[in-house]
C-alpha atoms as a PDB file:
ATOM      1  CA  MET A   1     -17.955  74.144  87.812  1.00  0.00           C
ATOM      2  CA  TYR A   2     -19.000  77.813  86.591  1.00  0.00           C
ATOM      3  CA  VAL A   3     -18.172  77.210  83.431  1.00  0.00           C
ATOM      4  CA  ALA A   4     -19.753  73.723  82.900  1.00  0.00           C
ATOM      5  CA  ALA A   5     -22.711  75.953  84.788  1.00  0.00           C
ATOM      6  CA  ILE A   6     -22.498  78.522  82.026  1.00  0.00           C
ATOM      7  CA  PHE A   7     -22.293  75.812  79.377  1.00  0.00           C
ATOM      8  CA  VAL A   8     -25.889  74.211  80.102  1.00  0.00           C
ATOM      9  CA  ILE A   9     -27.152  77.433  80.237  1.00  0.00           C
ATOM     10  CA  GLY A  10     -26.164  78.596  76.862  1.00  0.00           C
ATOM     11  CA  LEU A  11     -27.582  75.481  74.970  1.00  0.00           C
ATOM     12  CA  ILE A  12     -30.866  75.786  76.987  1.00  0.00           C
ATOM     13  CA  ILE A  13     -30.608  79.434  75.681  1.00  0.00           C
ATOM     14  CA  GLY A  14     -29.468  78.094  72.292  1.00  0.00           C
ATOM     15  CA  ALA A  15     -32.313  75.552  71.775  1.00  0.00           C
ATOM     16  CA  VAL A  16     -35.201  77.916  72.398  1.00  0.00           C
ATOM     17  CA  ALA A  17     -33.966  80.814  70.273  1.00  0.00           C
ATOM     18  CA  TYR A  18     -33.509  77.833  67.544  1.00  0.00           C
ATOM     19  CA  SER A  19     -37.071  76.391  68.263  1.00  0.00           C
ATOM     20  CA  LEU A  20     -38.442  80.349  67.974  1.00  0.00           C
ATOM     21  CA  ALA A  21     -36.669  80.949  64.883  1.00  0.00           C
ATOM     22  CA  ARG A  22     -37.200  77.686  63.048  1.00  0.00           C
ATOM     23  CA  PRO A  23     -40.381  78.281  60.940  1.00  0.00           C
ATOM     24  CA  SER A  24     -43.711  76.070  62.031  1.00  0.00           C
ATOM     25  CA  ILE A  25     -43.978  72.523  60.372  1.00  0.00           C
ATOM     26  CA  ILE A  26     -47.730  73.071  60.309  1.00  0.00           C
ATOM     27  CA  LYS A  27     -49.541  75.279  57.631  1.00  0.00           C
ATOM     28  CA  GLU A  28     -52.652  75.965  56.753  1.00  0.00           C
ATOM     29  CA  ASP A  29     -55.091  73.815  54.374  1.00  0.00           C
ATOM     30  CA  ASN A  30     -55.538  75.488  50.891  1.00  0.00           C
ATOM     31  CA  GLN A  31     -53.166  77.664  50.502  1.00  0.00           C
ATOM     32  CA  THR A  32     -53.195  78.685  46.538  1.00  0.00           C
ATOM     33  CA  THR A  33     -50.902  80.828  45.195  1.00  0.00           C
ATOM     34  CA  THR A  34     -51.245  81.660  41.448  1.00  0.00           C
ATOM     35  CA  SER A  35     -47.938  83.404  38.975  1.00  0.00           C
ATOM     36  CA  ASP A  36     -49.395  84.482  35.923  1.00  0.00           C
ATOM     37  CA  SER A  37     -46.341  85.873  34.695  1.00  0.00           C
ATOM     38  CA  GLN A  38     -44.446  82.644  35.847  1.00  0.00           C
ATOM     39  CA  ASP A  39     -43.700  79.462  34.205  1.00  0.00           C
ATOM     40  CA  LEU A  40     -45.916  77.750  36.819  1.00  0.00           C
ATOM     41  CA  SER A  41     -48.846  78.197  38.808  1.00  0.00           C
ATOM     42  CA  VAL A  42     -48.991  76.465  42.379  1.00  0.00           C
ATOM     43  CA  THR A  43     -52.331  74.962  42.614  1.00  0.00           C
ATOM     44  CA  ALA A  44     -51.882  73.375  46.179  1.00  0.00           C
ATOM     45  CA  THR A  45     -49.485  73.081  48.769  1.00  0.00           C
ATOM     46  CA  THR A  46     -48.798  70.802  51.803  1.00  0.00           C
ATOM     47  CA  THR A  47     -49.669  70.869  55.231  1.00  0.00           C
ATOM     48  CA  ASP A  48     -48.114  68.595  58.282  1.00  0.00           C
ATOM     49  CA  GLN A  49     -45.306  66.844  59.111  1.00  0.00           C
ATOM     50  CA  GLN A  50     -45.959  64.749  62.575  1.00  0.00           C
ATOM     51  CA  LEU A  51     -43.195  64.586  64.738  1.00  0.00           C
ATOM     52  CA  ASN A  52     -42.585  61.428  65.389  1.00  0.00           C
ATOM     53  CA  GLN A  53     -43.767  59.799  62.534  1.00  0.00           C
ATOM     54  CA  GLN A  54     -43.020  60.738  58.710  1.00  0.00           C
ATOM     55  CA  LYS A  55     -46.593  60.725  57.543  1.00  0.00           C
ATOM     56  CA  ARG A  56     -47.622  63.631  55.152  1.00  0.00           C
ATOM     57  CA  VAL A  57     -50.781  65.088  54.311  1.00  0.00           C
ATOM     58  CA  GLY A  58     -51.704  67.654  50.936  1.00  0.00           C
ATOM     59  CA  THR A  59     -54.411  69.285  50.061  1.00  0.00           C
ATOM     60  CA  ASP A  60     -55.508  68.688  47.038  1.00  0.00           C
ATOM     61  CA  ILE A  61     -57.921  71.787  45.713  1.00  0.00           C
ATOM     62  CA  ASN A  62     -60.787  70.209  47.251  1.00  0.00           C
ATOM     63  CA  LYS A  63     -60.028  67.195  49.081  1.00  0.00           C
ATOM     64  CA  LYS A  64     -56.950  66.063  51.804  1.00  0.00           C
ATOM     65  CA  LEU A  65     -54.862  63.731  50.241  1.00  0.00           C
ATOM     66  CA  THR A  66     -52.249  61.182  52.302  1.00  0.00           C
ATOM     67  CA  TYR A  67     -48.618  60.817  51.388  1.00  0.00           C
ATOM     68  CA  GLN A  68     -49.668  57.835  50.079  1.00  0.00           C
ATOM     69  CA  GLN A  69     -52.670  58.736  48.127  1.00  0.00           C
ATOM     70  CA  ALA A  70     -50.426  61.474  46.510  1.00  0.00           C
ATOM     71  CA  ILE A  71     -47.829  59.071  45.310  1.00  0.00           C
ATOM     72  CA  GLU A  72     -50.289  56.831  44.050  1.00  0.00           C
ATOM     73  CA  MET A  73     -52.349  59.324  41.861  1.00  0.00           C
ATOM     74  CA  PHE A  74     -48.949  61.203  40.364  1.00  0.00           C
ATOM     75  CA  GLU A  75     -47.416  57.522  39.618  1.00  0.00           C
ATOM     76  CA  GLY A  76     -45.447  59.102  36.369  1.00  0.00           C
ATOM     77  CA  HIS A  77     -45.737  62.820  37.520  1.00  0.00           C
ATOM     78  CA  ARG A  78     -43.598  62.615  41.164  1.00  0.00           C
ATOM     79  CA  ILE A  79     -40.508  64.546  41.110  1.00  0.00           C
ATOM     80  CA  GLN A  80     -38.557  62.829  44.316  1.00  0.00           C
ATOM     81  CA  PHE A  81     -35.829  65.284  45.555  1.00  0.00           C
ATOM     82  CA  ASP A  82     -32.837  64.045  48.217  1.00  0.00           C
ATOM     83  CA  ASN A  83     -30.684  66.765  48.954  1.00  0.00           C
ATOM     84  CA  CYS A  84     -30.963  67.858  45.428  1.00  0.00           C
ATOM     85  CA  PHE A  85     -30.385  64.700  43.870  1.00  0.00           C
ATOM     86  CA  THR A  86     -33.369  62.981  41.617  1.00  0.00           C
ATOM     87  CA  LEU A  87     -33.525  60.401  39.776  1.00  0.00           C
ATOM     88  CA  GLN A  88     -35.738  61.641  36.655  1.00  0.00           C
ATOM     89  CA  THR A  89     -33.350  63.920  35.350  1.00  0.00           C
ATOM     90  CA  SER A  90     -35.727  64.777  32.301  1.00  0.00           C
ATOM     91  CA  MET A  91     -39.743  64.198  32.123  1.00  0.00           C
ATOM     92  CA  THR A  92     -42.105  65.006  29.319  1.00  0.00           C
ATOM     93  CA  PHE A  93     -45.441  66.430  29.822  1.00  0.00           C
ATOM     94  CA  LYS A  94     -48.222  68.737  28.403  1.00  0.00           C
ATOM     95  CA  GLY A  95     -49.300  71.893  29.550  1.00  0.00           C
ATOM     96  CA  GLY A  96     -51.512  71.691  32.320  1.00  0.00           C
ATOM     97  CA  THR A  97     -50.400  68.945  33.773  1.00  0.00           C
ATOM     98  CA  GLN A  98     -50.343  68.355  37.766  1.00  0.00           C
ATOM     99  CA  ILE A  99     -47.037  67.261  38.803  1.00  0.00           C
ATOM    100  CA  MET A 100     -46.404  66.579  42.638  1.00  0.00           C
ATOM    101  CA  LEU A 101     -42.795  67.548  43.706  1.00  0.00           C
ATOM    102  CA  ASP A 102     -41.567  65.580  46.726  1.00  0.00           C
ATOM    103  CA  ASN A 103     -39.505  66.483  49.305  1.00  0.00           C
ATOM    104  CA  ARG A 104     -37.865  63.178  50.933  1.00  0.00           C
ATOM    105  CA  SER A 105     -34.812  64.399  52.733  1.00  0.00           C
ATOM    106  CA  PRO A 106     -35.725  65.767  56.747  1.00  0.00           C
ATOM    107  CA  ASP A 107     -33.579  68.628  55.234  1.00  0.00           C
ATOM    108  CA  PRO A 108     -36.049  71.388  54.076  1.00  0.00           C
ATOM    109  CA  GLN A 109     -35.087  72.359  50.229  1.00  0.00           C
ATOM    110  CA  GLU A 110     -35.736  75.008  47.817  1.00  0.00           C
ATOM    111  CA  ILE A 111     -36.952  73.668  44.630  1.00  0.00           C
ATOM    112  CA  ARG A 112     -36.982  76.269  41.265  1.00  0.00           C
ATOM    113  CA  LEU A 113     -38.463  75.488  38.652  1.00  0.00           C
ATOM    114  CA  ASP A 114     -37.462  78.512  35.593  1.00  0.00           C
ATOM    115  CA  GLY A 115     -36.496  80.539  38.554  1.00  0.00           C
ATOM    116  CA  VAL A 116     -40.071  80.084  40.082  1.00  0.00           C
ATOM    117  CA  VAL A 117     -38.934  78.995  44.063  1.00  0.00           C
ATOM    118  CA  HIS A 118     -41.079  76.109  45.707  1.00  0.00           C
ATOM    119  CA  ARG A 119     -40.150  75.785  49.647  1.00  0.00           C
ATOM    120  CA  LEU A 120     -40.430  72.216  50.651  1.00  0.00           C
ATOM    121  CA  TRP A 121     -39.976  71.408  54.522  1.00  0.00           C
ATOM    122  CA  GLY A 122     -38.604  67.770  55.386  1.00  0.00           C
ATOM    123  CA  TYR A 123     -40.912  64.771  54.267  1.00  0.00           C
ATOM    124  CA  GLU A 124     -43.777  67.560  52.751  1.00  0.00           C
ATOM    125  CA  PHE A 125     -44.413  67.648  48.974  1.00  0.00           C
ATOM    126  CA  LYS A 126     -46.952  70.092  46.818  1.00  0.00           C
ATOM    127  CA  ILE A 127     -48.979  69.446  43.699  1.00  0.00           C
ATOM    128  CA  LEU A 128     -48.423  72.028  41.231  1.00  0.00           C
ATOM    129  CA  THR A 129     -49.825  72.690  37.734  1.00  0.00           C
ATOM    130  CA  LEU A 130     -47.362  73.245  34.509  1.00  0.00           C
ATOM    131  CA  ARG A 131     -48.666  76.544  32.799  1.00  0.00           C
ATOM    132  CA  ARG A 132     -49.586  75.789  28.823  1.00  0.00           C
ATOM    133  CA  TYR A 133     -47.400  77.469  26.514  1.00  0.00           C
ATOM    134  CA  SER A 134     -48.092  78.206  22.680  1.00  0.00           C
ATOM    135  CA  GLY A 135     -45.073  76.205  22.185  1.00  0.00           C
ATOM    136  CA  LEU A 136     -42.139  73.417  23.513  1.00  0.00           C
ATOM    137  CA  HIS A 137     -41.116  74.817  26.583  1.00  0.00           C
ATOM    138  CA  THR A 138     -37.815  73.332  29.126  1.00  0.00           C
ATOM    139  CA  ILE A 139     -38.034  74.101  32.533  1.00  0.00           C
ATOM    140  CA  LYS A 140     -35.335  73.381  33.833  1.00  0.00           C
ATOM    141  CA  ILE A 141     -35.340  72.795  37.821  1.00  0.00           C
ATOM    142  CA  ASP A 142     -32.429  73.921  40.277  1.00  0.00           C
ATOM    143  CA  CYS A 143     -32.055  73.201  43.722  1.00  0.00           C
ATOM    144  CA  GLN A 144     -30.783  74.337  47.083  1.00  0.00           C
ATOM    145  CA  VAL A 145     -30.036  72.849  50.692  1.00  0.00           C
ATOM    146  CA  ASN A 146     -28.412  74.501  53.146  1.00  0.00           C
ATOM    147  CA  ASP A 147     -26.195  77.412  51.419  1.00  0.00           C
ATOM    148  CA  ILE A 148     -25.592  74.710  48.558  1.00  0.00           C
ATOM    149  CA  MET A 149     -27.066  75.712  45.282  1.00  0.00           C
ATOM    150  CA  ALA A 150     -27.696  72.721  42.488  1.00  0.00           C
ATOM    151  CA  TYR A 151     -28.003  74.199  38.792  1.00  0.00           C
ATOM    152  CA  ASN A 152     -30.457  71.958  36.269  1.00  0.00           C
ATOM    153  CA  VAL A 153     -30.469  69.042  38.484  1.00  0.00           C
ATOM    154  CA  ALA A 154     -33.839  68.158  36.058  1.00  0.00           C
ATOM    155  CA  GLN A 155     -35.471  69.465  33.271  1.00  0.00           C
ATOM    156  CA  ILE A 156     -39.401  69.182  31.889  1.00  0.00           C
ATOM    157  CA  LEU A 157     -39.918  69.620  28.431  1.00  0.00           C
ATOM    158  CA  VAL A 158     -43.508  71.603  28.361  1.00  0.00           C
ATOM    159  CA  GLN A 159     -45.821  70.390  25.237  1.00  0.00           C
ATOM    160  CA  PRO A 160     -48.326  72.769  24.222  1.00  0.00           C
END
């Protein structure tokens, strides 16, 4: 009986510790990060994941996008990741083009474009603007989910 009580108390303490250590799902709108020395500049990030729905809302500089609006707007410019697997392994865009990174998994993923880390929580998406180059440039995309790193899962050829 005491063993069962200790086990239940341990589960409760573990659940509370997990919920306190887990990052908040809701992020502030209009977070903008720009990096001159990196290969990409983040022009917008996403926000909310509602608990019982897989509805996503993103922030696109001056207006809010629902997930449905974002996938319509970025048709042909969207890279979907599901546990570091993507069907779009090779794409070509001009520098300055906005693309959408779309996490289709409930698990958080770290997407690295030429080493620049973009963290996507479960069912989150981000809108990025590709940097302009004077010549052709190939962006290599790596992905990490949990402790598993997948290298060169996709490439983007950026044209001047």
